[in-house]
PDB file of all heavy atoms in Angstrom:
ATOM      1  N   ASP A   1       9.263   8.411   1.675  1.00  0.00           N
ATOM      2  CA  ASP A   1       8.646   8.443   0.409  1.00  0.00           C
ATOM      3  C   ASP A   1       7.096   8.535   0.523  1.00  0.00           C
ATOM      4  O   ASP A   1       6.446   9.258  -0.296  1.00  0.00           O
ATOM      5  CB  ASP A   1       8.968   7.367  -0.605  1.00  0.00           C
ATOM      6  CG  ASP A   1      10.542   7.364  -0.904  1.00  0.00           C
ATOM      7  OD1 ASP A   1      10.983   8.322  -1.521  1.00  0.00           O
ATOM      8  OD2 ASP A   1      11.201   6.469  -0.484  1.00  0.00           O
ATOM      9  N   ALA A   2       6.597   7.812   1.495  1.00  0.00           N
ATOM     10  CA  ALA A   2       5.143   7.661   1.615  1.00  0.00           C
ATOM     11  C   ALA A   2       4.802   7.340   3.055  1.00  0.00           C
ATOM     12  O   ALA A   2       5.599   6.763   3.743  1.00  0.00           O
ATOM     13  CB  ALA A   2       4.534   6.637   0.636  1.00  0.00           C
ATOM     14  N   PHE A   3       3.551   7.675   3.404  1.00  0.00           N
ATOM     15  CA  PHE A   3       3.099   7.319   4.755  1.00  0.00           C
ATOM     16  C   PHE A   3       1.746   6.607   4.634  1.00  0.00           C
ATOM     17  O   PHE A   3       0.849   6.871   3.827  1.00  0.00           O
ATOM     18  CB  PHE A   3       2.839   8.681   5.505  1.00  0.00           C
ATOM     19  CG  PHE A   3       4.107   9.393   5.917  1.00  0.00           C
ATOM     20  CD1 PHE A   3       4.601  10.371   4.950  1.00  0.00           C
ATOM     21  CD2 PHE A   3       4.790   9.247   7.055  1.00  0.00           C
ATOM     22  CE1 PHE A   3       5.788  11.038   5.209  1.00  0.00           C
ATOM     23  CE2 PHE A   3       5.903   9.897   7.383  1.00  0.00           C
ATOM     24  CZ  PHE A   3       6.469  10.836   6.472  1.00  0.00           C
ATOM     25  N   VAL A   4       1.524   5.774   5.632  1.00  0.00           N
ATOM     26  CA  VAL A   4       0.222   5.095   5.903  1.00  0.00           C
ATOM     27  C   VAL A   4      -0.530   5.932   6.900  1.00  0.00           C
ATOM     28  O   VAL A   4      -0.093   6.042   7.982  1.00  0.00           O
ATOM     29  CB  VAL A   4       0.424   3.626   6.359  1.00  0.00           C
ATOM     30  CG1 VAL A   4      -0.884   3.039   6.749  1.00  0.00           C
ATOM     31  CG2 VAL A   4       1.014   2.756   5.245  1.00  0.00           C
ATOM     32  N   ILE A   5      -1.646   6.448   6.518  1.00  0.00           N
ATOM     33  CA  ILE A   5      -2.518   7.209   7.392  1.00  0.00           C
ATOM     34  C   ILE A   5      -3.653   6.339   7.872  1.00  0.00           C
ATOM     35  O   ILE A   5      -4.618   6.125   7.153  1.00  0.00           O
ATOM     36  CB  ILE A   5      -3.082   8.502   6.646  1.00  0.00           C
ATOM     37  CG1 ILE A   5      -1.909   9.268   5.955  1.00  0.00           C
ATOM     38  CG2 ILE A   5      -3.810   9.391   7.652  1.00  0.00           C
ATOM     39  CD1 ILE A   5      -0.817   9.722   6.918  1.00  0.00           C
ATOM     40  N   GLY A   6      -3.479   5.901   9.099  1.00  0.00           N
ATOM     41  CA  GLY A   6      -4.587   4.990   9.660  1.00  0.00           C
ATOM     42  C   GLY A   6      -4.033   3.726  10.043  1.00  0.00           C
ATOM     43  O   GLY A   6      -2.841   3.524  10.320  1.00  0.00           O
ATOM     44  N   GLU A   7      -4.935   2.708  10.133  1.00  0.00           N
ATOM     45  CA  GLU A   7      -4.566   1.308  10.628  1.00  0.00           C
ATOM     46  C   GLU A   7      -4.043   0.476   9.473  1.00  0.00           C
ATOM     47  O   GLU A   7      -4.596   0.451   8.430  1.00  0.00           O
ATOM     48  CB  GLU A   7      -5.744   0.687  11.292  1.00  0.00           C
ATOM     49  CG  GLU A   7      -6.216   1.590  12.519  1.00  0.00           C
ATOM     50  CD  GLU A   7      -7.557   1.071  13.076  1.00  0.00           C
ATOM     51  OE1 GLU A   7      -8.057   0.047  12.722  1.00  0.00           O
ATOM     52  OE2 GLU A   7      -8.089   1.892  13.934  1.00  0.00           O
ATOM     53  N   GLY A   8      -2.877  -0.084   9.827  1.00  0.00           N
ATOM     54  CA  GLY A   8      -2.178  -0.849   8.677  1.00  0.00           C
ATOM     55  C   GLY A   8      -3.000  -1.942   8.047  1.00  0.00           C
ATOM     56  O   GLY A   8      -2.890  -2.105   6.788  1.00  0.00           O
ATOM     57  N   GLU A   9      -3.866  -2.656   8.828  1.00  0.00           N
ATOM     58  CA  GLU A   9      -4.632  -3.711   8.139  1.00  0.00           C
ATOM     59  C   GLU A   9      -5.602  -3.128   7.158  1.00  0.00           C
ATOM     60  O   GLU A   9      -5.962  -3.897   6.154  1.00  0.00           O
ATOM     61  CB  GLU A   9      -5.454  -4.372   9.255  1.00  0.00           C
ATOM     62  CG  GLU A   9      -4.724  -5.017  10.349  1.00  0.00           C
ATOM     63  CD  GLU A   9      -4.778  -4.104  11.580  1.00  0.00           C
ATOM     64  OE1 GLU A   9      -4.654  -2.894  11.431  1.00  0.00           O
ATOM     65  OE2 GLU A   9      -4.990  -4.646  12.703  1.00  0.00           O
ATOM     66  N   ALA A  10      -5.974  -1.878   7.241  1.00  0.00           N
ATOM     67  CA  ALA A  10      -6.911  -1.267   6.282  1.00  0.00           C
ATOM     68  C   ALA A  10      -6.246  -0.673   5.055  1.00  0.00           C
ATOM     69  O   ALA A  10      -6.882  -0.351   4.091  1.00  0.00           O
ATOM     70  CB  ALA A  10      -7.771  -0.229   6.940  1.00  0.00           C
ATOM     71  N   VAL A  11      -4.877  -0.440   5.198  1.00  0.00           N
ATOM     72  CA  VAL A  11      -4.216   0.186   4.082  1.00  0.00           C
ATOM     73  C   VAL A  11      -3.197  -0.651   3.403  1.00  0.00           C
ATOM     74  O   VAL A  11      -3.108  -0.619   2.153  1.00  0.00           O
ATOM     75  CB  VAL A  11      -3.445   1.485   4.643  1.00  0.00           C
ATOM     76  CG1 VAL A  11      -2.673   2.234   3.533  1.00  0.00           C
ATOM     77  CG2 VAL A  11      -4.412   2.477   5.320  1.00  0.00           C
ATOM     78  N   MET A  12      -2.419  -1.456   4.125  1.00  0.00           N
ATOM     79  CA  MET A  12      -1.249  -2.164   3.498  1.00  0.00           C
ATOM     80  C   MET A  12      -1.661  -3.118   2.371  1.00  0.00           C
ATOM     81  O   MET A  12      -0.896  -3.278   1.400  1.00  0.00           O
ATOM     82  CB  MET A  12      -0.570  -2.945   4.672  1.00  0.00           C
ATOM     83  CG  MET A  12       0.231  -2.023   5.548  1.00  0.00           C
ATOM     84  SD  MET A  12       1.481  -0.987   4.700  1.00  0.00           S
ATOM     85  CE  MET A  12       2.572  -2.219   3.977  1.00  0.00           C
ATOM     86  N   PRO A  13      -2.833  -3.910   2.436  1.00  0.00           N
ATOM     87  CA  PRO A  13      -3.104  -4.767   1.291  1.00  0.00           C
ATOM     88  C   PRO A  13      -3.229  -4.016  -0.016  1.00  0.00           C
ATOM     89  O   PRO A  13      -2.633  -4.462  -1.040  1.00  0.00           O
ATOM     90  CB  PRO A  13      -4.478  -5.390   1.704  1.00  0.00           C
ATOM     91  CG  PRO A  13      -4.426  -5.364   3.244  1.00  0.00           C
ATOM     92  CD  PRO A  13      -3.733  -4.057   3.613  1.00  0.00           C
ATOM     93  N   ALA A  14      -3.980  -2.855   0.033  1.00  0.00           N
ATOM     94  CA  ALA A  14      -4.135  -2.094  -1.197  1.00  0.00           C
ATOM     95  C   ALA A  14      -2.847  -1.458  -1.628  1.00  0.00           C
ATOM     96  O   ALA A  14      -2.497  -1.274  -2.771  1.00  0.00           O
ATOM     97  CB  ALA A  14      -5.200  -0.988  -1.012  1.00  0.00           C
ATOM     98  N   LEU A  15      -2.004  -1.011  -0.616  1.00  0.00           N
ATOM     99  CA  LEU A  15      -0.668  -0.318  -0.898  1.00  0.00           C
ATOM    100  C   LEU A  15       0.189  -1.348  -1.618  1.00  0.00           C
ATOM    101  O   LEU A  15       0.834  -1.015  -2.663  1.00  0.00           O
ATOM    102  CB  LEU A  15      -0.055   0.140   0.373  1.00  0.00           C
ATOM    103  CG  LEU A  15       1.233   0.930   0.222  1.00  0.00           C
ATOM    104  CD1 LEU A  15       1.373   1.921   1.419  1.00  0.00           C
ATOM    105  CD2 LEU A  15       2.478   0.110   0.198  1.00  0.00           C
ATOM    106  N   MET A  16       0.257  -2.559  -1.111  1.00  0.00           N
ATOM    107  CA  MET A  16       1.156  -3.521  -1.714  1.00  0.00           C
ATOM    108  C   MET A  16       0.588  -4.028  -3.088  1.00  0.00           C
ATOM    109  O   MET A  16       1.437  -4.312  -4.015  1.00  0.00           O
ATOM    110  CB  MET A  16       1.286  -4.765  -0.769  1.00  0.00           C
ATOM    111  CG  MET A  16       2.085  -4.358   0.503  1.00  0.00           C
ATOM    112  SD  MET A  16       3.734  -3.689   0.197  1.00  0.00           S
ATOM    113  CE  MET A  16       4.584  -4.952  -0.667  1.00  0.00           C
ATOM    114  N   ASP A  17      -0.701  -4.123  -3.257  1.00  0.00           N
ATOM    115  CA  ASP A  17      -1.244  -4.430  -4.541  1.00  0.00           C
ATOM    116  C   ASP A  17      -0.875  -3.332  -5.549  1.00  0.00           C
ATOM    117  O   ASP A  17      -0.389  -3.722  -6.688  1.00  0.00           O
ATOM    118  CB  ASP A  17      -2.778  -4.500  -4.467  1.00  0.00           C
ATOM    119  CG  ASP A  17      -3.279  -5.711  -3.766  1.00  0.00           C
ATOM    120  OD1 ASP A  17      -2.523  -6.688  -3.540  1.00  0.00           O
ATOM    121  OD2 ASP A  17      -4.501  -5.710  -3.400  1.00  0.00           O
ATOM    122  N   ALA A  18      -1.006  -2.074  -5.166  1.00  0.00           N
ATOM    123  CA  ALA A  18      -0.614  -0.989  -6.054  1.00  0.00           C
ATOM    124  C   ALA A  18       0.886  -1.028  -6.399  1.00  0.00           C
ATOM    125  O   ALA A  18       1.323  -0.785  -7.498  1.00  0.00           O
ATOM    126  CB  ALA A  18      -0.943   0.345  -5.502  1.00  0.00           C
ATOM    127  N   TYR A  19       1.708  -1.307  -5.368  1.00  0.00           N
ATOM    128  CA  TYR A  19       3.163  -1.396  -5.573  1.00  0.00           C
ATOM    129  C   TYR A  19       3.500  -2.436  -6.619  1.00  0.00           C
ATOM    130  O   TYR A  19       4.243  -2.241  -7.558  1.00  0.00           O
ATOM    131  CB  TYR A  19       3.894  -1.727  -4.246  1.00  0.00           C
ATOM    132  CG  TYR A  19       5.318  -1.907  -4.418  1.00  0.00           C
ATOM    133  CD1 TYR A  19       6.256  -0.960  -4.527  1.00  0.00           C
ATOM    134  CD2 TYR A  19       5.859  -3.221  -4.486  1.00  0.00           C
ATOM    135  CE1 TYR A  19       7.588  -1.112  -4.676  1.00  0.00           C
ATOM    136  CE2 TYR A  19       7.145  -3.525  -4.697  1.00  0.00           C
ATOM    137  CZ  TYR A  19       8.066  -2.411  -4.813  1.00  0.00           C
ATOM    138  OH  TYR A  19       9.413  -2.687  -4.973  1.00  0.00           O
ATOM    139  N   HIS A  20       2.928  -3.648  -6.449  1.00  0.00           N
ATOM    140  CA  HIS A  20       3.230  -4.773  -7.429  1.00  0.00           C
ATOM    141  C   HIS A  20       2.745  -4.419  -8.775  1.00  0.00           C
ATOM    142  O   HIS A  20       3.417  -4.818  -9.777  1.00  0.00           O
ATOM    143  CB  HIS A  20       2.733  -6.047  -6.854  1.00  0.00           C
ATOM    144  CG  HIS A  20       3.538  -6.587  -5.692  1.00  0.00           C
ATOM    145  ND1 HIS A  20       3.093  -6.616  -4.397  1.00  0.00           N
ATOM    146  CD2 HIS A  20       4.744  -7.190  -5.687  1.00  0.00           C
ATOM    147  CE1 HIS A  20       3.986  -7.161  -3.641  1.00  0.00           C
ATOM    148  NE2 HIS A  20       5.062  -7.492  -4.373  1.00  0.00           N
ATOM    149  N   GLU A  21       1.580  -3.780  -8.863  1.00  0.00           N
ATOM    150  CA  GLU A  21       1.082  -3.471 -10.232  1.00  0.00           C
ATOM    151  C   GLU A  21       2.001  -2.467 -10.917  1.00  0.00           C
ATOM    152  O   GLU A  21       2.235  -2.563 -12.133  1.00  0.00           O
ATOM    153  CB  GLU A  21      -0.330  -2.801 -10.072  1.00  0.00           C
ATOM    154  CG  GLU A  21      -1.409  -3.833  -9.670  1.00  0.00           C
ATOM    155  CD  GLU A  21      -2.673  -3.132  -9.200  1.00  0.00           C
ATOM    156  OE1 GLU A  21      -2.750  -1.836  -9.312  1.00  0.00           O
ATOM    157  OE2 GLU A  21      -3.632  -3.795  -8.772  1.00  0.00           O
ATOM    158  N   GLY A  22       2.503  -1.526 -10.149  1.00  0.00           N
ATOM    159  CA  GLY A  22       3.431  -0.534 -10.697  1.00  0.00           C
ATOM    160  C   GLY A  22       4.662  -1.105 -11.156  1.00  0.00           C
ATOM    161  O   GLY A  22       5.287  -0.823 -12.215  1.00  0.00           O
ATOM    162  N   VAL A  23       5.236  -2.083 -10.349  1.00  0.00           N
ATOM    163  CA  VAL A  23       6.492  -2.763 -10.715  1.00  0.00           C
ATOM    164  C   VAL A  23       6.292  -3.598 -11.966  1.00  0.00           C
ATOM    165  O   VAL A  23       7.170  -3.616 -12.876  1.00  0.00           O
ATOM    166  CB  VAL A  23       6.943  -3.634  -9.537  1.00  0.00           C
ATOM    167  CG1 VAL A  23       8.174  -4.553  -9.971  1.00  0.00           C
ATOM    168  CG2 VAL A  23       7.415  -2.807  -8.319  1.00  0.00           C
ATOM    169  N   ARG A  24       5.173  -4.323 -11.986  1.00  0.00           N
ATOM    170  CA  ARG A  24       4.960  -5.163 -13.280  1.00  0.00           C
ATOM    171  C   ARG A  24       4.784  -4.363 -14.503  1.00  0.00           C
ATOM    172  O   ARG A  24       5.144  -4.708 -15.599  1.00  0.00           O
ATOM    173  CB  ARG A  24       3.676  -5.967 -12.979  1.00  0.00           C
ATOM    174  CG  ARG A  24       3.853  -7.191 -12.096  1.00  0.00           C
ATOM    175  CD  ARG A  24       2.707  -8.112 -12.144  1.00  0.00           C
ATOM    176  NE  ARG A  24       1.429  -7.534 -11.733  1.00  0.00           N
ATOM    177  CZ  ARG A  24       0.934  -7.521 -10.528  1.00  0.00           C
ATOM    178  NH1 ARG A  24       1.670  -8.190  -9.584  1.00  0.00           N
ATOM    179  NH2 ARG A  24      -0.226  -6.915 -10.167  1.00  0.00           N
TER     180      ARG A  24
END
């Protein structure tokens, strides 16, 4: 469904924040 482009430490915090915001 989606890809992380780059280093996980630089992307995953914002990705998970956005995911939880969307779920809420």
